[in-house]
Amino acid sequence: MKKRFLVLTMMCILTGSLVACGTKTEETTEQTTTEATTEAVTEAPQPDYMEYISPDGWSVNYDASVLSAEEVDEHEANFVYTGDSAGACMLTIKYEEGADPEEALKTVTSGWAEDELDVIEGVLPNHEDITTYSSSLDSNEGETTLSQSIYTCAYNGGTLSFEFLIHMSGDDATDMAISDALANTFDSIKLEEAATATDGTASEDIVYMGGLYISEPDNDLELALFKSSGTPIAIVSKGGNIYYGEYETEDAKTSDGTEYTKITVENKEFGYFFDEGYGEDSTIGGFLIDEDGTKYNAKPLDESVAMDLVEETK
């Protein structure tokens, strides 16, 4: 069974919260109860899971109905909570080349408190062979509590850090919704290692991040995304033509409102979307958007096929 790793300091929300007790009065009417229930059902957002893939080779799934993925630069991204909260709430994931994970943790936490914080060792979700180092601190800010946590681990010759910031209101339902959204994002972390050539050496430090292909009689579009020494690289194959190089992305929607990621490579525009569970189940793919804007169901592109595309660019 897949383990679920939760952020310790955020999970203390329930154990550390005070539960208010009230008395039921005869003045409470059935109409009031019905209205409150209807309002709660109406306001509850439906999950909208999307995948964020970093140029540094890591990826996470996040609920876009309550989180906004904001890229700071090619090495750092924020996942900001957009629902009800007492203040700013986010998860920041950052890669620092050449940094030591324990030193990186101390650098961040030294700005939280004068005294050195305890460091807890653990394992990274979905990667039990990777050790994490974490610290946390809760501090009062008037009527709210600021909860800060950070996890660091060694990754690709540097450090990958996960920093949580939550302003807790004291309302269990609100605080737990925030905690779950951010913790679930952290729990979904996937790391890609450098692809290995047949001779056992890294193939030009290429990291395969994911890809899709269309299996249609009139369309053989293939899209493969890579990281090469920290630089995002895309290869698109269609009709015997190969387009490749650094790429730019932007959020886009189809005519029916379906969200996807638009990608521009060699001045040609395509689009892609990975379904929830991509990378965990070899049968799960997504869809591709062709140059003319047509949407096609797509299957997951095998890494061996993607690496063949790399050879075709040489």
Protein backbone atom coordinates (compact mmCIF):
# COMPACT_ATOMS: atom_id res chain seq x y z
CA MET A 1 0.00 0.00 0.00
CA LYS A 2 1.30 3.42 -0.97
CA LYS A 3 2.39 5.40 2.04
CA ARG A 4 0.98 8.87 2.61
CA PHE A 5 3.43 11.35 4.03
CA LEU A 6 1.92 14.39 5.71
CA VAL A 7 3.64 17.52 6.89
CA LEU A 8 4.05 17.05 10.62
CA THR A 9 3.65 20.60 11.69
CA MET A 10 0.52 21.10 9.62
CA MET A 11 -1.05 17.91 10.87
CA CYS A 12 -0.77 19.32 14.37
CA ILE A 13 -3.61 21.62 13.41
CA LEU A 14 -6.17 19.11 14.60
CA THR A 15 -4.42 18.05 17.79
CA GLY A 16 -3.55 21.61 18.77
CA SER A 17 -6.90 23.22 17.97
CA LEU A 18 -9.56 24.07 20.51
CA VAL A 19 -12.99 22.63 19.77
CA ALA A 20 -15.75 25.09 20.57
CA CYS A 21 -18.86 23.64 22.22
CA GLY A 22 -22.34 25.06 21.67
CA THR A 23 -25.89 24.28 22.65
CA LYS A 24 -28.74 23.51 20.31
CA THR A 25 -31.72 25.85 20.68
CA GLU A 26 -35.33 25.57 19.57
CA GLU A 27 -34.87 28.73 17.49
CA THR A 28 -32.79 26.77 14.94
CA THR A 29 -35.17 26.11 12.08
CA GLU A 30 -35.19 23.45 9.43
CA GLN A 31 -34.91 26.19 6.80
CA THR A 32 -31.70 27.54 8.33
CA THR A 33 -30.19 24.06 8.42
CA THR A 34 -31.16 23.40 4.82
CA GLU A 35 -29.73 26.72 3.64
CA ALA A 36 -26.46 26.16 5.46
CA THR A 37 -26.14 22.66 4.01
CA THR A 38 -26.92 23.86 0.50
CA GLU A 39 -24.39 26.67 0.81
CA ALA A 40 -21.68 24.28 1.98
CA VAL A 41 -22.34 21.93 -0.93
CA THR A 42 -22.38 24.81 -3.41
CA GLU A 43 -19.12 26.30 -2.19
CA ALA A 44 -17.18 23.03 -2.13
CA PRO A 45 -14.93 23.12 -5.24
CA GLN A 46 -14.58 20.03 -7.39
CA PRO A 47 -10.96 18.79 -7.53
CA ASP A 48 -9.14 19.67 -10.74
CA TYR A 49 -5.83 17.85 -10.65
CA MET A 50 -3.04 19.03 -12.91
CA GLU A 51 0.62 18.09 -13.20
CA TYR A 52 3.45 20.59 -12.85
CA ILE A 53 6.73 19.48 -14.43
CA SER A 54 9.86 21.41 -13.50
CA PRO A 55 12.78 21.90 -15.87
CA ASP A 56 14.89 20.41 -13.06
CA GLY A 57 13.22 17.01 -13.50
CA TRP A 58 10.78 16.88 -10.59
CA SER A 59 7.02 16.93 -10.90
CA VAL A 60 3.94 17.11 -8.66
CA ASN A 61 0.18 16.81 -9.04
CA TYR A 62 -1.81 19.68 -7.55
CA ASP A 63 -5.49 20.55 -7.21
CA ALA A 64 -5.93 23.55 -9.50
CA SER A 65 -9.37 24.27 -8.01
CA VAL A 66 -7.70 25.52 -4.81
CA LEU A 67 -4.02 25.95 -5.76
CA SER A 68 -2.31 28.21 -8.28
CA ALA A 69 1.04 27.06 -9.68
CA GLU A 70 3.32 30.09 -10.02
CA GLU A 71 6.78 29.66 -11.53
CA VAL A 72 9.31 31.98 -9.89
CA ASP A 73 12.08 30.89 -12.26
CA GLU A 74 13.25 27.63 -13.82
CA HIS A 75 14.44 26.36 -10.42
CA GLU A 76 11.59 27.48 -8.14
CA ALA A 77 7.79 27.27 -8.11
CA ASN A 78 5.08 28.31 -5.64
CA PHE A 79 1.80 26.46 -5.15
CA VAL A 80 -0.43 29.14 -3.62
CA TYR A 81 -3.70 28.35 -1.86
CA THR A 82 -6.55 30.36 -3.42
CA GLY A 83 -9.42 29.35 -1.12
CA ASP A 84 -10.49 30.86 2.20
CA SER A 85 -7.58 31.40 4.59
CA ALA A 86 -6.36 33.68 7.36
CA GLY A 87 -3.39 34.82 5.29
CA ALA A 88 -0.86 33.66 2.70
CA CYS A 89 -0.59 29.86 2.44
CA MET A 90 1.73 28.12 0.00
CA LEU A 91 4.22 25.37 -0.76
CA THR A 92 7.48 26.47 -2.37
CA ILE A 93 9.62 23.88 -4.15
CA LYS A 94 13.13 24.95 -5.05
CA TYR A 95 16.26 23.35 -6.50
CA GLU A 96 19.70 24.72 -5.59
CA GLU A 97 22.60 23.32 -7.57
CA GLY A 98 25.63 22.35 -5.46
CA ALA A 99 23.88 23.01 -2.12
CA ASP A 100 24.04 20.63 0.84
CA PRO A 101 20.55 19.68 2.12
CA GLU A 102 21.36 20.08 5.83
CA GLU A 103 23.08 23.42 5.30
CA ALA A 104 20.24 24.62 3.06
CA LEU A 105 17.76 23.79 5.80
CA LYS A 106 19.74 25.72 8.42
CA THR A 107 20.02 28.72 6.10
CA VAL A 108 16.23 28.96 5.87
CA THR A 109 15.38 28.22 9.51
CA SER A 110 17.99 30.66 10.84
CA GLY A 111 15.66 33.39 9.67
CA TRP A 112 12.72 31.93 11.60
CA ALA A 113 14.14 31.90 15.11
CA GLU A 114 17.25 32.87 17.06
CA ASP A 115 17.59 29.42 18.60
CA GLU A 116 18.55 26.48 16.41
CA LEU A 117 15.56 24.27 15.63
CA ASP A 118 15.43 20.50 15.92
CA VAL A 119 16.14 18.61 12.71
CA ILE A 120 14.15 15.46 11.97
CA GLU A 121 15.27 12.84 9.47
CA GLY A 122 12.69 11.09 7.31
CA VAL A 123 12.16 9.79 3.79
CA LEU A 124 10.78 11.53 0.70
CA PRO A 125 7.27 10.46 -0.40
CA ASN A 126 7.40 7.87 -3.20
CA HIS A 127 11.22 7.68 -2.81
CA GLU A 128 12.05 5.70 0.30
CA ASP A 129 15.75 5.63 -0.60
CA ILE A 130 16.01 9.42 -0.31
CA THR A 131 16.58 10.96 3.13
CA THR A 132 14.87 14.22 4.07
CA TYR A 133 15.80 16.73 6.76
CA SER A 134 13.00 18.83 8.23
CA SER A 135 12.29 21.51 10.81
CA SER A 136 9.12 23.38 11.77
CA LEU A 137 8.02 26.34 13.83
CA ASP A 138 4.64 27.75 14.87
CA SER A 139 4.38 31.34 16.03
CA ASN A 140 1.46 33.51 17.07
CA GLU A 141 0.52 36.52 14.94
CA GLY A 142 -2.35 38.15 16.77
CA GLU A 143 -5.49 36.10 16.13
CA THR A 144 -3.74 33.73 13.73
CA THR A 145 -0.88 31.25 13.95
CA LEU A 146 1.92 31.18 11.39
CA SER A 147 3.05 27.61 10.73
CA GLN A 148 6.34 27.15 8.85
CA SER A 149 7.92 23.85 7.81
CA ILE A 150 10.74 22.91 5.48
CA TYR A 151 11.96 19.59 4.09
CA THR A 152 15.23 19.24 2.17
CA CYS A 153 16.88 16.35 0.36
CA ALA A 154 19.84 15.70 -1.91
CA TYR A 155 18.92 15.76 -5.61
CA ASN A 156 20.97 15.82 -8.82
CA GLY A 157 24.13 17.20 -7.25
CA GLY A 158 22.29 19.79 -5.18
CA THR A 159 19.33 20.26 -2.85
CA LEU A 160 15.60 20.10 -3.43
CA SER A 161 13.63 21.94 -0.73
CA PHE A 162 9.94 21.99 0.13
CA GLU A 163 8.92 24.99 2.24
CA PHE A 164 5.41 25.27 3.70
CA LEU A 165 3.85 28.49 4.93
CA ILE A 166 0.36 28.44 6.45
CA HIS A 167 -1.56 31.12 8.32
CA MET A 168 -3.93 29.13 10.54
CA SER A 169 -7.22 30.73 11.53
CA GLY A 170 -8.14 28.27 14.26
CA ASP A 171 -11.13 27.02 12.28
CA ASP A 172 -10.57 23.29 11.89
CA ALA A 173 -12.36 22.90 8.55
CA THR A 174 -10.58 25.84 6.91
CA ASP A 175 -7.14 24.96 8.25
CA MET A 176 -7.46 21.27 7.34
CA ALA A 177 -8.54 22.07 3.78
CA ILE A 178 -5.39 24.14 3.33
CA SER A 179 -3.19 21.53 4.99
CA ASP A 180 -4.58 18.71 2.86
CA ALA A 181 -4.17 20.61 -0.42
CA LEU A 182 -0.52 21.44 0.24
CA ALA A 183 0.37 18.10 1.85
CA ASN A 184 -1.20 16.13 -1.01
CA THR A 185 0.92 18.11 -3.46
CA PHE A 186 4.06 17.24 -1.49
CA ASP A 187 2.97 13.59 -1.27
CA SER A 188 2.78 13.36 -5.07
CA ILE A 189 6.43 14.36 -5.68
CA LYS A 190 8.19 12.40 -8.42
CA LEU A 191 11.87 12.70 -9.30
CA GLU A 192 13.39 11.81 -12.66
CA GLU A 193 16.96 10.64 -12.80
CA ALA A 194 19.32 11.13 -15.75
CA ALA A 195 18.56 8.68 -18.54
CA THR A 196 21.27 6.05 -18.94
CA ALA A 197 22.77 4.96 -22.24
CA THR A 198 23.56 1.31 -23.04
CA ASP A 199 27.21 1.77 -22.05
CA GLY A 200 26.15 2.86 -18.55
CA THR A 201 26.98 6.54 -19.00
CA ALA A 202 24.54 9.42 -18.87
CA SER A 203 23.25 10.36 -22.30
CA GLU A 204 24.35 14.00 -22.46
CA ASP A 205 22.84 14.60 -19.02
CA ILE A 206 19.36 14.28 -20.54
CA VAL A 207 16.48 13.78 -18.11
CA TYR A 208 13.23 12.55 -19.61
CA MET A 209 10.34 14.36 -17.92
CA GLY A 210 7.37 12.93 -19.80
CA GLY A 211 5.73 12.66 -23.18
CA LEU A 212 2.66 11.70 -25.18
CA TYR A 213 1.82 10.44 -28.66
CA ILE A 214 -1.25 10.25 -30.89
CA SER A 215 -2.21 6.90 -32.35
CA GLU A 216 -4.40 7.97 -35.29
CA PRO A 217 -4.22 6.95 -38.98
CA ASP A 218 -3.90 10.58 -40.04
CA ASN A 219 -1.80 11.92 -37.15
CA ASP A 220 1.51 10.58 -35.78
CA LEU A 221 2.30 13.53 -33.46
CA GLU A 222 4.78 12.74 -30.67
CA LEU A 223 5.83 15.12 -27.89
CA ALA A 224 8.73 14.48 -25.49
CA LEU A 225 9.87 16.82 -22.71
CA PHE A 226 13.38 16.75 -21.29
CA LYS A 227 15.77 18.60 -19.03
CA SER A 228 19.36 19.06 -20.21
CA SER A 229 21.70 20.57 -17.61
CA GLY A 230 18.76 22.41 -16.10
CA THR A 231 17.42 23.68 -19.43
CA PRO A 232 13.94 22.57 -20.59
CA ILE A 233 14.06 20.89 -23.99
CA ALA A 234 11.14 19.71 -26.12
CA ILE A 235 11.17 17.39 -29.12
CA VAL A 236 8.12 17.22 -31.35
CA SER A 237 7.88 14.68 -34.15
CA LYS A 238 5.19 14.83 -36.84
CA GLY A 239 5.00 13.57 -40.38
CA GLY A 240 8.71 12.85 -40.53
CA ASN A 241 9.65 16.33 -39.30
CA ILE A 242 11.49 16.96 -36.02
CA TYR A 243 11.18 20.21 -34.06
CA TYR A 244 13.34 20.59 -30.99
CA GLY A 245 15.02 23.04 -28.67
CA GLU A 246 14.27 25.18 -25.64
CA TYR A 247 10.60 25.88 -25.23
CA GLU A 248 8.17 28.28 -23.61
CA THR A 249 4.83 27.37 -22.04
CA GLU A 250 1.64 29.16 -21.12
CA ASP A 251 -1.74 28.17 -19.72
CA ALA A 252 -4.46 27.82 -22.35
CA LYS A 253 -7.99 26.48 -22.85
CA THR A 254 -9.71 24.64 -25.67
CA SER A 255 -12.93 25.97 -27.18
CA ASP A 256 -14.92 23.86 -24.70
CA GLY A 257 -13.01 25.29 -21.72
CA THR A 258 -10.63 22.37 -21.12
CA GLU A 259 -7.34 23.58 -19.62
CA TYR A 260 -4.00 22.54 -21.09
CA THR A 261 -0.40 23.75 -21.45
CA LYS A 262 0.54 25.47 -24.68
CA ILE A 263 4.12 24.90 -25.80
CA THR A 264 6.10 26.83 -28.42
CA VAL A 265 9.13 25.18 -29.99
CA GLU A 266 10.84 26.45 -33.18
CA ASN A 267 7.98 28.99 -33.49
CA LYS A 268 5.41 26.20 -33.74
CA GLU A 269 2.64 25.87 -31.17
CA PHE A 270 1.35 22.62 -29.74
CA GLY A 271 -0.41 21.73 -26.49
CA TYR A 272 -0.46 18.93 -23.96
CA PHE A 273 -2.16 17.74 -20.79
CA PHE A 274 -1.21 14.80 -18.57
CA ASP A 275 -4.11 12.99 -16.92
CA GLU A 276 -4.03 12.39 -13.17
CA GLY A 277 -1.94 9.31 -12.43
CA TYR A 278 0.39 9.81 -15.39
CA GLY A 279 3.79 8.32 -14.56
CA GLU A 280 2.34 6.00 -11.91
CA ASP A 281 0.21 3.90 -14.27
CA SER A 282 1.76 3.07 -17.64
CA THR A 283 -1.69 3.10 -19.29
CA ILE A 284 -2.56 6.68 -18.33
CA GLY A 285 -1.80 9.38 -20.90
CA GLY A 286 -3.63 12.63 -21.59
CA PHE A 287 -4.23 14.65 -24.72
CA LEU A 288 -2.30 16.64 -27.32
CA ILE A 289 -3.28 19.77 -29.22
CA ASP A 290 -2.07 19.88 -32.84
CA GLU A 291 -0.87 23.02 -34.62
CA ASP A 292 -4.37 23.68 -35.95
CA GLY A 293 -5.84 23.54 -32.43
CA THR A 294 -7.41 20.09 -32.79
CA LYS A 295 -7.51 18.03 -29.59
CA TYR A 296 -6.52 14.35 -29.74
CA ASN A 297 -6.51 11.72 -27.02
CA ALA A 298 -2.91 10.67 -26.43
CA LYS A 299 -1.06 7.72 -24.95
CA PRO A 300 2.06 7.85 -22.73
CA LEU A 301 5.30 7.97 -24.71
CA ASP A 302 7.74 5.30 -23.60
CA GLU A 303 11.13 6.59 -22.46
CA SER A 304 12.97 4.39 -24.97
CA VAL A 305 10.99 5.98 -27.80
CA ALA A 306 11.71 9.44 -26.39
CA MET A 307 15.44 8.71 -26.30
CA ASP A 308 15.24 7.56 -29.93
CA LEU A 309 13.89 11.02 -30.73
CA VAL A 310 16.97 12.50 -29.05
CA GLU A 311 19.16 10.48 -31.43
CA GLU A 312 17.20 11.82 -34.39
CA THR A 313 18.14 15.39 -33.46
CA LYS A 314 21.89 14.67 -33.76
